[in-house]
Amino acid sequence: MDHFVWDDTYKTGDQKIDQEHKRIFSAANILQKAIDQKSEGAILDKAMLMLLEYTTLHFDREITFFKSIGCSDIDEHRQAHQELVDEIVLLRKSYGQVSDEDLTRQLELWMVKRLLPHIKESDVDVLKSAR
């Protein structure tokens, strides 16, 4: 069973963005499974890298899309994205220095306290203002 489960309350109203957000959930679940299975370092690092790379790719696409629809606070949104990416980088660097439980807790905090509010508030607000 997945640790991070997408539900309709996370929908932004844009199908493509929602699909990309679902892929971030999938990448986070792959990482969580690697942690739970006490995977070797190379596998865990690959899972972390996948989350980092896909999140970065999504954020780049999202900024491009938001620019195209006339988002007025694009710099603020870009800064929020950078902070989220920086937090994944720190999570990746913490591997091997913290317990699996701490790694799980950090991933949960990132997903629940940082990414989800960003999706449910910032992304939704941008899309609502563009309509």
N, C-alpha and C. Protein backbone atom coordinates (compact mmCIF):
# COMPACT_ATOMS: atom_id res chain seq x y z
N MET A 1 0.84 -1.19 0.00
CA MET A 1 0.00 0.00 0.00
C MET A 1 0.89 1.25 0.00
N ASP A 2 0.43 2.25 -0.74
CA ASP A 2 1.19 3.49 -0.83
C ASP A 2 1.11 4.29 0.46
N HIS A 3 2.19 4.92 0.78
CA HIS A 3 2.28 5.77 1.97
C HIS A 3 1.61 7.12 1.72
N PHE A 4 1.83 7.66 0.53
CA PHE A 4 1.27 8.95 0.15
C PHE A 4 0.19 8.72 -0.90
N VAL A 5 -1.03 9.05 -0.57
CA VAL A 5 -2.16 8.72 -1.43
C VAL A 5 -2.79 10.00 -1.96
N TRP A 6 -2.88 10.09 -3.28
CA TRP A 6 -3.52 11.22 -3.95
C TRP A 6 -5.03 11.12 -3.75
N ASP A 7 -5.66 12.24 -3.48
CA ASP A 7 -7.12 12.25 -3.51
C ASP A 7 -7.60 13.54 -4.18
N ASP A 8 -8.88 13.58 -4.46
CA ASP A 8 -9.43 14.68 -5.25
C ASP A 8 -9.30 16.05 -4.60
N THR A 9 -9.06 16.10 -3.31
CA THR A 9 -8.90 17.41 -2.66
C THR A 9 -7.61 18.09 -3.09
N TYR A 10 -6.71 17.35 -3.74
CA TYR A 10 -5.45 17.92 -4.21
C TYR A 10 -5.53 18.43 -5.64
N LYS A 11 -6.67 18.25 -6.29
CA LYS A 11 -6.81 18.69 -7.67
C LYS A 11 -6.71 20.20 -7.77
N THR A 12 -6.01 20.63 -8.81
CA THR A 12 -5.83 22.06 -9.04
C THR A 12 -6.83 22.61 -10.05
N GLY A 13 -7.44 21.72 -10.80
CA GLY A 13 -8.33 22.16 -11.87
C GLY A 13 -7.67 22.09 -13.23
N ASP A 14 -6.37 21.76 -13.26
CA ASP A 14 -5.66 21.57 -14.52
C ASP A 14 -5.20 20.12 -14.59
N GLN A 15 -5.72 19.39 -15.56
CA GLN A 15 -5.45 17.96 -15.64
C GLN A 15 -3.97 17.63 -15.78
N LYS A 16 -3.25 18.39 -16.59
CA LYS A 16 -1.82 18.11 -16.81
C LYS A 16 -1.02 18.33 -15.52
N ILE A 17 -1.29 19.43 -14.84
CA ILE A 17 -0.59 19.70 -13.57
C ILE A 17 -0.94 18.63 -12.55
N ASP A 18 -2.21 18.23 -12.49
CA ASP A 18 -2.61 17.18 -11.55
C ASP A 18 -1.89 15.87 -11.84
N GLN A 19 -1.74 15.53 -13.12
CA GLN A 19 -1.02 14.30 -13.49
C GLN A 19 0.44 14.38 -13.04
N GLU A 20 1.04 15.54 -13.21
CA GLU A 20 2.43 15.70 -12.78
C GLU A 20 2.55 15.63 -11.26
N HIS A 21 1.59 16.22 -10.56
CA HIS A 21 1.60 16.12 -9.09
C HIS A 21 1.47 14.65 -8.66
N LYS A 22 0.65 13.90 -9.36
CA LYS A 22 0.50 12.47 -9.04
C LYS A 22 1.83 11.74 -9.23
N ARG A 23 2.60 12.15 -10.23
CA ARG A 23 3.91 11.51 -10.45
C ARG A 23 4.87 11.84 -9.31
N ILE A 24 4.75 13.03 -8.73
CA ILE A 24 5.57 13.35 -7.55
C ILE A 24 5.18 12.44 -6.40
N PHE A 25 3.87 12.23 -6.22
CA PHE A 25 3.41 11.29 -5.19
C PHE A 25 4.00 9.90 -5.44
N SER A 26 3.99 9.47 -6.69
CA SER A 26 4.52 8.16 -7.04
C SER A 26 6.01 8.07 -6.71
N ALA A 27 6.76 9.10 -7.06
CA ALA A 27 8.20 9.12 -6.76
C ALA A 27 8.44 9.10 -5.26
N ALA A 28 7.63 9.84 -4.50
CA ALA A 28 7.77 9.83 -3.04
C ALA A 28 7.44 8.45 -2.47
N ASN A 29 6.46 7.77 -3.05
CA ASN A 29 6.12 6.42 -2.60
C ASN A 29 7.23 5.42 -2.93
N ILE A 30 7.85 5.57 -4.08
CA ILE A 30 8.98 4.69 -4.42
C ILE A 30 10.11 4.90 -3.42
N LEU A 31 10.38 6.15 -3.09
CA LEU A 31 11.42 6.43 -2.10
C LEU A 31 11.03 5.85 -0.74
N GLN A 32 9.79 6.03 -0.33
CA GLN A 32 9.36 5.51 0.96
C GLN A 32 9.48 3.99 1.00
N LYS A 33 9.12 3.32 -0.09
CA LYS A 33 9.25 1.86 -0.14
C LYS A 33 10.72 1.44 -0.02
N ALA A 34 11.60 2.20 -0.68
CA ALA A 34 13.03 1.89 -0.58
C ALA A 34 13.51 2.04 0.87
N ILE A 35 13.01 3.05 1.56
CA ILE A 35 13.37 3.24 2.98
C ILE A 35 12.82 2.08 3.80
N ASP A 36 11.53 1.76 3.60
CA ASP A 36 10.87 0.70 4.37
C ASP A 36 11.55 -0.65 4.17
N GLN A 37 12.03 -0.90 2.96
CA GLN A 37 12.66 -2.19 2.64
C GLN A 37 14.15 -2.21 2.99
N LYS A 38 14.60 -1.09 3.58
CA LYS A 38 16.00 -0.98 3.97
C LYS A 38 16.92 -1.31 2.78
N SER A 39 16.56 -0.70 1.66
CA SER A 39 17.31 -0.92 0.42
C SER A 39 18.74 -0.44 0.57
N GLU A 40 19.61 -1.02 -0.25
CA GLU A 40 21.01 -0.60 -0.21
C GLU A 40 21.13 0.84 -0.66
N GLY A 41 22.24 1.46 -0.30
CA GLY A 41 22.45 2.88 -0.54
C GLY A 41 22.24 3.32 -1.97
N ALA A 42 22.70 2.53 -2.93
CA ALA A 42 22.58 2.93 -4.34
C ALA A 42 21.13 2.98 -4.78
N ILE A 43 20.33 2.04 -4.32
CA ILE A 43 18.91 2.01 -4.67
C ILE A 43 18.18 3.18 -4.02
N LEU A 44 18.48 3.42 -2.76
CA LEU A 44 17.85 4.53 -2.05
C LEU A 44 18.24 5.86 -2.67
N ASP A 45 19.50 6.01 -3.03
CA ASP A 45 19.94 7.24 -3.66
C ASP A 45 19.27 7.44 -5.01
N LYS A 46 19.11 6.36 -5.76
CA LYS A 46 18.43 6.45 -7.05
C LYS A 46 16.98 6.89 -6.86
N ALA A 47 16.31 6.38 -5.84
CA ALA A 47 14.93 6.78 -5.56
C ALA A 47 14.86 8.25 -5.16
N MET A 48 15.82 8.69 -4.35
CA MET A 48 15.86 10.11 -3.97
C MET A 48 16.12 10.99 -5.18
N LEU A 49 17.04 10.55 -6.03
CA LEU A 49 17.36 11.32 -7.23
C LEU A 49 16.15 11.41 -8.16
N MET A 50 15.39 10.32 -8.27
CA MET A 50 14.19 10.33 -9.10
C MET A 50 13.20 11.37 -8.58
N LEU A 51 12.98 11.41 -7.27
CA LEU A 51 12.08 12.40 -6.68
C LEU A 51 12.59 13.81 -6.96
N LEU A 52 13.85 14.02 -6.76
CA LEU A 52 14.45 15.34 -6.99
C LEU A 52 14.34 15.76 -8.46
N GLU A 53 14.71 14.88 -9.36
CA GLU A 53 14.70 15.23 -10.78
C GLU A 53 13.29 15.45 -11.30
N TYR A 54 12.36 14.59 -10.91
CA TYR A 54 11.00 14.77 -11.42
C TYR A 54 10.34 16.02 -10.83
N THR A 55 10.58 16.27 -9.56
CA THR A 55 10.02 17.47 -8.94
C THR A 55 10.56 18.72 -9.61
N THR A 56 11.86 18.73 -9.86
CA THR A 56 12.49 19.87 -10.55
C THR A 56 11.91 20.06 -11.94
N LEU A 57 11.77 18.97 -12.68
CA LEU A 57 11.19 19.02 -14.02
C LEU A 57 9.76 19.56 -13.96
N HIS A 58 8.97 19.04 -13.05
CA HIS A 58 7.59 19.51 -12.92
C HIS A 58 7.55 21.01 -12.60
N PHE A 59 8.36 21.44 -11.66
CA PHE A 59 8.35 22.86 -11.29
C PHE A 59 8.73 23.74 -12.48
N ASP A 60 9.70 23.30 -13.27
CA ASP A 60 10.08 24.07 -14.46
C ASP A 60 8.90 24.17 -15.43
N ARG A 61 8.23 23.05 -15.65
CA ARG A 61 7.06 23.04 -16.54
C ARG A 61 5.94 23.92 -15.99
N GLU A 62 5.75 23.84 -14.69
CA GLU A 62 4.67 24.60 -14.06
C GLU A 62 4.93 26.11 -14.19
N ILE A 63 6.16 26.53 -13.97
CA ILE A 63 6.50 27.96 -14.10
C ILE A 63 6.26 28.42 -15.54
N THR A 64 6.69 27.62 -16.50
CA THR A 64 6.47 27.96 -17.91
C THR A 64 4.97 28.10 -18.19
N PHE A 65 4.18 27.17 -17.70
CA PHE A 65 2.74 27.23 -17.90
C PHE A 65 2.14 28.45 -17.20
N PHE A 66 2.54 28.69 -15.97
CA PHE A 66 2.00 29.84 -15.22
C PHE A 66 2.34 31.16 -15.91
N LYS A 67 3.55 31.23 -16.47
CA LYS A 67 3.90 32.43 -17.25
C LYS A 67 2.96 32.60 -18.43
N SER A 68 2.66 31.48 -19.09
CA SER A 68 1.83 31.54 -20.31
C SER A 68 0.39 31.97 -20.01
N ILE A 69 -0.05 31.79 -18.78
CA ILE A 69 -1.42 32.20 -18.44
C ILE A 69 -1.43 33.52 -17.68
N GLY A 70 -0.26 34.16 -17.59
CA GLY A 70 -0.20 35.50 -17.02
C GLY A 70 -0.16 35.57 -15.51
N CYS A 71 0.47 34.59 -14.89
CA CYS A 71 0.61 34.61 -13.43
C CYS A 71 1.37 35.87 -13.00
N SER A 72 0.78 36.63 -12.10
CA SER A 72 1.38 37.91 -11.70
C SER A 72 2.49 37.76 -10.65
N ASP A 73 2.45 36.70 -9.87
CA ASP A 73 3.46 36.53 -8.82
C ASP A 73 4.39 35.36 -9.13
N ILE A 74 4.87 35.32 -10.37
CA ILE A 74 5.71 34.21 -10.84
C ILE A 74 7.01 34.10 -10.04
N ASP A 75 7.60 35.24 -9.66
CA ASP A 75 8.86 35.19 -8.90
C ASP A 75 8.65 34.57 -7.53
N GLU A 76 7.54 34.88 -6.90
CA GLU A 76 7.23 34.29 -5.60
C GLU A 76 7.01 32.78 -5.74
N HIS A 77 6.33 32.39 -6.79
CA HIS A 77 6.07 30.97 -7.02
C HIS A 77 7.38 30.22 -7.32
N ARG A 78 8.23 30.85 -8.13
CA ARG A 78 9.53 30.25 -8.45
C ARG A 78 10.36 30.08 -7.17
N GLN A 79 10.32 31.06 -6.29
CA GLN A 79 11.06 30.98 -5.02
C GLN A 79 10.54 29.83 -4.15
N ALA A 80 9.23 29.68 -4.10
CA ALA A 80 8.64 28.58 -3.34
C ALA A 80 9.09 27.24 -3.90
N HIS A 81 9.13 27.14 -5.23
CA HIS A 81 9.61 25.91 -5.86
C HIS A 81 11.06 25.63 -5.49
N GLN A 82 11.88 26.67 -5.53
CA GLN A 82 13.30 26.49 -5.20
C GLN A 82 13.48 26.00 -3.77
N GLU A 83 12.69 26.55 -2.86
CA GLU A 83 12.77 26.11 -1.46
C GLU A 83 12.39 24.63 -1.32
N LEU A 84 11.36 24.21 -2.04
CA LEU A 84 10.94 22.81 -2.00
C LEU A 84 12.03 21.89 -2.57
N VAL A 85 12.64 22.30 -3.65
CA VAL A 85 13.73 21.51 -4.24
C VAL A 85 14.92 21.47 -3.28
N ASP A 86 15.26 22.60 -2.69
CA ASP A 86 16.37 22.64 -1.73
C ASP A 86 16.14 21.68 -0.57
N GLU A 87 14.90 21.55 -0.16
CA GLU A 87 14.58 20.64 0.95
C GLU A 87 14.77 19.18 0.55
N ILE A 88 14.48 18.84 -0.71
CA ILE A 88 14.74 17.47 -1.17
C ILE A 88 16.25 17.23 -1.22
N VAL A 89 17.00 18.22 -1.66
CA VAL A 89 18.46 18.10 -1.69
C VAL A 89 18.98 17.82 -0.28
N LEU A 90 18.47 18.55 0.70
CA LEU A 90 18.88 18.32 2.09
C LEU A 90 18.49 16.92 2.57
N LEU A 91 17.30 16.47 2.18
CA LEU A 91 16.87 15.12 2.52
C LEU A 91 17.84 14.10 1.95
N ARG A 92 18.22 14.29 0.71
CA ARG A 92 19.15 13.37 0.06
C ARG A 92 20.51 13.38 0.78
N LYS A 93 20.97 14.57 1.16
CA LYS A 93 22.26 14.67 1.86
C LYS A 93 22.21 14.04 3.25
N SER A 94 21.03 14.00 3.84
CA SER A 94 20.92 13.46 5.20
C SER A 94 20.97 11.94 5.24
N TYR A 95 20.79 11.30 4.08
CA TYR A 95 20.84 9.84 4.04
C TYR A 95 22.21 9.36 4.53
N GLY A 96 22.16 8.39 5.40
CA GLY A 96 23.39 7.84 5.97
C GLY A 96 23.80 8.54 7.25
N GLN A 97 23.21 9.71 7.49
CA GLN A 97 23.52 10.46 8.70
C GLN A 97 22.37 10.41 9.71
N VAL A 98 21.21 9.97 9.23
CA VAL A 98 20.04 9.88 10.11
C VAL A 98 19.45 8.47 9.99
N SER A 99 18.64 8.11 10.94
CA SER A 99 18.00 6.79 10.90
C SER A 99 16.93 6.74 9.81
N ASP A 100 16.53 5.52 9.46
CA ASP A 100 15.46 5.36 8.48
C ASP A 100 14.18 6.03 8.97
N GLU A 101 13.95 5.97 10.28
CA GLU A 101 12.76 6.61 10.85
C GLU A 101 12.81 8.12 10.66
N ASP A 102 13.98 8.69 10.86
CA ASP A 102 14.13 10.14 10.65
C ASP A 102 13.98 10.51 9.18
N LEU A 103 14.50 9.67 8.32
CA LEU A 103 14.36 9.90 6.88
C LEU A 103 12.87 9.86 6.49
N THR A 104 12.16 8.87 7.01
CA THR A 104 10.72 8.77 6.76
C THR A 104 10.00 10.00 7.28
N ARG A 105 10.34 10.43 8.47
CA ARG A 105 9.70 11.61 9.07
C ARG A 105 9.97 12.87 8.23
N GLN A 106 11.21 13.01 7.76
CA GLN A 106 11.54 14.17 6.93
C GLN A 106 10.76 14.15 5.61
N LEU A 107 10.63 12.97 5.00
CA LEU A 107 9.87 12.85 3.75
C LEU A 107 8.40 13.16 3.99
N GLU A 108 7.85 12.64 5.08
CA GLU A 108 6.45 12.92 5.42
C GLU A 108 6.22 14.40 5.65
N LEU A 109 7.12 15.03 6.38
CA LEU A 109 6.99 16.47 6.63
C LEU A 109 7.04 17.25 5.33
N TRP A 110 7.94 16.86 4.43
CA TRP A 110 8.04 17.56 3.15
C TRP A 110 6.75 17.41 2.36
N MET A 111 6.24 16.20 2.30
CA MET A 111 5.01 15.96 1.53
C MET A 111 3.80 16.65 2.17
N VAL A 112 3.61 16.45 3.48
CA VAL A 112 2.38 16.89 4.15
C VAL A 112 2.41 18.36 4.53
N LYS A 113 3.53 18.84 5.01
CA LYS A 113 3.60 20.22 5.51
C LYS A 113 4.10 21.22 4.48
N ARG A 114 4.75 20.73 3.42
CA ARG A 114 5.32 21.66 2.44
C ARG A 114 4.70 21.51 1.05
N LEU A 115 4.75 20.29 0.48
CA LEU A 115 4.26 20.13 -0.88
C LEU A 115 2.74 20.26 -0.96
N LEU A 116 2.02 19.55 -0.11
CA LEU A 116 0.55 19.60 -0.19
C LEU A 116 -0.01 21.01 0.01
N PRO A 117 0.44 21.75 1.01
CA PRO A 117 -0.06 23.13 1.11
C PRO A 117 0.28 23.96 -0.13
N HIS A 118 1.45 23.72 -0.70
CA HIS A 118 1.82 24.46 -1.92
C HIS A 118 0.83 24.14 -3.04
N ILE A 119 0.52 22.87 -3.21
CA ILE A 119 -0.42 22.47 -4.25
C ILE A 119 -1.81 23.04 -3.96
N LYS A 120 -2.29 22.82 -2.75
CA LYS A 120 -3.68 23.18 -2.40
C LYS A 120 -3.90 24.68 -2.29
N GLU A 121 -2.85 25.42 -2.03
CA GLU A 121 -3.02 26.87 -1.88
C GLU A 121 -2.41 27.62 -3.06
N SER A 122 -1.11 27.57 -3.20
CA SER A 122 -0.43 28.38 -4.22
C SER A 122 -0.84 28.01 -5.64
N ASP A 123 -0.74 26.72 -5.97
CA ASP A 123 -1.07 26.31 -7.33
C ASP A 123 -2.54 26.57 -7.65
N VAL A 124 -3.41 26.22 -6.74
CA VAL A 124 -4.85 26.43 -6.96
C VAL A 124 -5.15 27.92 -7.11
N ASP A 125 -4.53 28.77 -6.28
CA ASP A 125 -4.77 30.21 -6.37
C ASP A 125 -4.35 30.77 -7.73
N VAL A 126 -3.19 30.33 -8.22
CA VAL A 126 -2.72 30.80 -9.53
C VAL A 126 -3.72 30.42 -10.61
N LEU A 127 -4.15 29.18 -10.58
CA LEU A 127 -5.07 28.71 -11.62
C LEU A 127 -6.44 29.37 -11.52
N LYS A 128 -6.91 29.61 -10.31
CA LYS A 128 -8.20 30.31 -10.14
C LYS A 128 -8.12 31.74 -10.65
N SER A 129 -7.01 32.41 -10.38
CA SER A 129 -6.90 33.81 -10.80
C SER A 129 -6.76 33.93 -12.32
N ALA A 130 -6.32 32.86 -12.97
CA ALA A 130 -6.15 32.89 -14.42
C ALA A 130 -7.47 32.62 -15.15
N ARG A 131 -8.46 32.11 -14.46
CA ARG A 131 -9.73 31.77 -15.12
C ARG A 131 -10.61 32.97 -15.27
